[in-house]
Amino acid sequence: MNKFYVIFSITCGLMLLIASGNTYAVMTFYNPPIMTPQQTNPFAGLVDNTLHTMMLVEEVKSQQLQNEMMEQKFEEERRAATSLLANRTVIIVGQGAKTVNLGCVNCDNRSLYSIHNSQGRYGSRSGVKSIFNSSGKYGSPESDYSPCNPDATHPPIIEDTNGGVYGLLTMNTRLPGALIAPGIQGWLTSRVCKHFE
């Protein structure tokens, strides 16, 4: 008597085994492979990398735009300040029992009153009224009246001859009223108080 067997494979492929006497015939039907997500979309990784790159590019562009806007803002502020001070003489005033004129900020550099004249009384390293004098009352790192003392409580004041007050010239940026603009702090560090490094 002939026996017929039908066997199904685990992978859902169909295998038909026909037994007849000593003769065996095997018939296998197509078994489609199981596809993983990566196999179904071979471009998935490429798309993800492209999107990541695009996000980085947009982030860089955004940062560049912010930097340009910041530079434009600084330039506008500089122009406004230049225009405002065009007809004003800005001076440094030392505090104490009696206020003392410590020189002119925006005068011609050759002027004897300019703090930028290293030969003048207000711009030299030895002038009694010079903020550049490291051993003087208004330039020493220990003096409470010096802009170079990071703990000073009575540093010089920046004002103009029209009565405008701009703030305190000091490295003590914690002090209320201190001028903390990077340009001013950089000038104090690199020029005025440089001899303390």
Protein backbone atom coordinates (compact mmCIF):
# COMPACT_ATOMS: atom_id res chain seq x y z
CA MET A 1 0.00 0.00 0.00
CA ASN A 2 1.39 3.34 -0.96
CA LYS A 3 1.74 5.97 1.72
CA PHE A 4 1.73 9.65 1.10
CA TYR A 5 3.18 12.19 3.51
CA VAL A 6 2.82 15.94 3.45
CA ILE A 7 5.25 17.92 5.64
CA PHE A 8 5.14 21.68 6.28
CA SER A 9 8.42 23.36 7.17
CA ILE A 10 8.74 25.70 10.15
CA THR A 11 9.61 28.60 7.90
CA CYS A 12 6.23 28.32 6.19
CA GLY A 13 7.72 26.79 3.09
CA LEU A 14 5.79 23.80 1.78
CA MET A 15 7.59 20.53 1.23
CA LEU A 16 5.74 17.62 -0.25
CA LEU A 17 7.19 14.18 0.29
CA ILE A 18 5.67 11.45 -1.72
CA ALA A 19 6.63 7.93 -0.76
CA SER A 20 5.79 5.03 -2.98
CA GLY A 21 7.60 1.83 -2.30
CA ASN A 22 11.32 2.52 -2.26
CA THR A 23 11.02 5.65 -4.38
CA TYR A 24 10.87 9.06 -2.80
CA ALA A 25 9.96 12.23 -4.60
CA VAL A 26 10.52 15.56 -2.88
CA MET A 27 8.77 18.70 -4.07
CA THR A 28 9.64 22.00 -2.43
CA PHE A 29 7.58 25.11 -2.92
CA TYR A 30 8.98 28.68 -2.75
CA ASN A 31 9.46 29.97 0.76
CA PRO A 32 9.80 33.81 0.78
CA PRO A 33 12.56 34.97 3.17
CA ILE A 34 11.68 37.01 6.24
CA MET A 35 12.80 40.62 5.66
CA THR A 36 14.28 42.75 8.41
CA PRO A 37 13.52 46.50 8.50
CA GLN A 38 16.97 47.25 7.06
CA GLN A 39 16.39 44.80 4.21
CA THR A 40 12.99 46.25 3.41
CA ASN A 41 14.51 49.79 3.26
CA PRO A 42 18.20 49.59 2.31
CA PHE A 43 18.35 53.44 2.20
CA ALA A 44 17.21 53.97 5.80
CA GLY A 45 20.74 54.54 7.13
CA LEU A 46 21.58 56.89 4.28
CA VAL A 47 18.43 58.93 4.87
CA ASP A 48 19.16 59.20 8.59
CA ASN A 49 22.74 60.38 7.96
CA THR A 50 21.54 62.91 5.40
CA LEU A 51 18.92 64.32 7.80
CA HIS A 52 21.51 64.55 10.58
CA THR A 53 23.90 66.41 8.27
CA MET A 54 21.14 68.80 7.20
CA MET A 55 20.29 69.52 10.85
CA LEU A 56 23.94 70.28 11.60
CA VAL A 57 24.16 72.61 8.60
CA GLU A 58 21.03 74.47 9.71
CA GLU A 59 22.42 74.76 13.23
CA VAL A 60 25.68 76.25 11.91
CA LYS A 61 23.75 78.68 9.71
CA SER A 62 21.62 79.74 12.68
CA GLN A 63 24.74 80.35 14.81
CA GLN A 64 26.35 82.36 12.02
CA LEU A 65 23.21 84.48 11.71
CA GLN A 66 23.20 85.11 15.46
CA ASN A 67 26.87 86.12 15.35
CA GLU A 68 26.22 88.50 12.45
CA MET A 69 23.27 90.03 14.29
CA MET A 70 25.40 90.44 17.43
CA GLU A 71 28.21 92.09 15.46
CA GLN A 72 25.71 94.41 13.80
CA LYS A 73 24.26 95.31 17.21
CA PHE A 74 27.74 96.06 18.61
CA GLU A 75 28.54 98.20 15.58
CA GLU A 76 25.28 100.14 15.97
CA GLU A 77 26.02 100.70 19.67
CA ARG A 78 29.56 101.84 18.86
CA ARG A 79 28.29 104.32 16.28
CA ALA A 80 25.64 105.58 18.69
CA ALA A 81 28.25 106.03 21.42
CA THR A 82 30.63 107.77 19.03
CA SER A 83 27.87 110.12 17.93
CA LEU A 84 26.83 110.78 21.52
CA LEU A 85 30.36 111.55 22.67
CA ALA A 86 31.35 113.57 19.61
CA ASN A 87 30.73 116.87 21.41
CA ARG A 88 31.47 115.69 24.94
CA THR A 89 34.71 115.38 26.83
CA VAL A 90 34.79 112.10 28.74
CA ILE A 91 36.96 112.07 31.84
CA ILE A 92 37.99 109.74 34.64
CA VAL A 93 37.29 111.02 38.13
CA GLY A 94 39.01 109.59 41.19
CA GLN A 95 36.91 109.12 44.30
CA GLY A 96 37.89 109.96 47.86
CA ALA A 97 37.40 112.78 50.33
CA LYS A 98 37.83 115.03 47.32
CA THR A 99 37.23 114.04 43.70
CA VAL A 100 40.25 114.25 41.41
CA ASN A 101 40.44 114.57 37.64
CA LEU A 102 42.41 111.56 36.37
CA GLY A 103 42.53 112.54 32.73
CA CYS A 104 40.56 112.69 29.51
CA VAL A 105 39.41 109.52 27.75
CA ASN A 106 38.49 110.82 24.31
CA CYS A 107 40.86 113.77 23.91
CA ASP A 108 43.55 113.81 21.25
CA ASN A 109 46.26 111.30 22.19
CA ARG A 110 48.86 114.09 22.06
CA SER A 111 46.98 116.20 24.58
CA LEU A 112 48.61 116.59 28.00
CA TYR A 113 45.21 115.78 29.49
CA SER A 114 44.81 112.49 27.60
CA ILE A 115 45.20 109.20 29.44
CA HIS A 116 46.59 107.81 26.17
CA ASN A 117 49.59 110.14 26.22
CA SER A 118 52.34 108.14 27.93
CA GLN A 119 54.36 111.35 28.33
CA GLY A 120 51.55 113.25 30.05
CA ARG A 121 50.64 113.36 33.73
CA TYR A 122 47.56 111.19 33.24
CA GLY A 123 49.00 108.53 30.94
CA SER A 124 52.47 107.90 32.31
CA ARG A 125 53.52 105.01 34.54
CA SER A 126 54.79 107.43 37.17
CA GLY A 127 52.14 110.16 37.29
CA VAL A 128 50.56 110.74 40.70
CA LYS A 129 47.16 111.07 39.04
CA SER A 130 47.64 108.27 36.53
CA ILE A 131 45.67 105.02 36.59
CA PHE A 132 48.73 103.45 34.92
CA ASN A 133 50.92 104.07 37.98
CA SER A 134 51.11 100.69 39.72
CA SER A 135 52.39 102.23 42.94
CA GLY A 136 50.03 105.21 42.97
CA LYS A 137 46.75 105.74 44.75
CA TYR A 138 44.77 105.47 41.50
CA GLY A 139 46.67 102.59 39.87
CA SER A 140 47.85 100.26 42.61
CA PRO A 141 46.30 96.77 42.76
CA GLU A 142 45.89 97.24 46.52
CA SER A 143 44.32 100.71 46.50
CA ASP A 144 40.59 100.98 47.12
CA TYR A 145 40.56 103.86 44.61
CA SER A 146 42.24 101.98 41.76
CA PRO A 147 40.52 100.34 38.77
CA CYS A 148 43.10 97.53 39.01
CA ASN A 149 42.00 96.34 42.44
CA PRO A 150 39.50 93.48 41.87
CA ASP A 151 38.06 94.16 45.34
CA ALA A 152 37.92 97.95 45.20
CA THR A 153 34.80 99.66 46.53
CA HIS A 154 35.64 103.24 45.47
CA PRO A 155 37.14 102.97 41.98
CA PRO A 156 37.27 105.86 39.49
CA ILE A 157 34.10 107.10 37.81
CA ILE A 158 33.70 107.66 34.07
CA GLU A 159 31.71 110.80 33.33
CA ASP A 160 31.61 113.69 30.89
CA THR A 161 31.90 117.42 31.28
CA ASN A 162 28.15 117.80 30.59
CA GLY A 163 27.29 115.95 33.78
CA GLY A 164 26.69 112.50 32.26
CA VAL A 165 27.84 109.57 34.38
CA TYR A 166 28.65 106.28 32.61
CA GLY A 167 29.72 104.05 35.47
CA LEU A 168 32.67 102.80 37.50
CA LEU A 169 36.00 101.94 35.90
CA THR A 170 37.02 98.81 37.78
CA MET A 171 38.02 95.17 37.52
CA ASN A 172 35.62 94.51 40.38
CA THR A 173 32.74 93.49 38.12
CA ARG A 174 30.64 92.53 41.17
CA LEU A 175 30.41 96.17 42.20
CA PRO A 176 27.06 97.80 41.33
CA GLY A 177 27.60 100.36 38.59
CA ALA A 178 30.78 98.72 37.29
CA LEU A 179 31.34 98.99 33.55
CA ILE A 180 31.47 95.34 32.55
CA ALA A 181 31.52 95.69 28.76
CA PRO A 182 34.10 93.28 27.27
CA GLY A 183 35.90 96.14 25.54
CA ILE A 184 36.43 98.06 28.78
CA GLN A 185 37.40 95.01 30.84
CA GLY A 186 39.75 93.90 28.08
CA TRP A 187 41.38 97.35 28.02
CA LEU A 188 41.91 97.27 31.79
CA THR A 189 43.41 93.79 31.64
CA SER A 190 45.62 94.25 28.59
CA ARG A 191 46.67 97.91 28.92
CA VAL A 192 46.00 99.60 32.24
CA CYS A 193 46.69 96.77 34.67
CA LYS A 194 48.96 94.72 32.43
CA HIS A 195 52.04 95.39 34.59
CA PHE A 196 50.52 93.30 37.39
CA GLU A 197 50.65 90.04 35.39
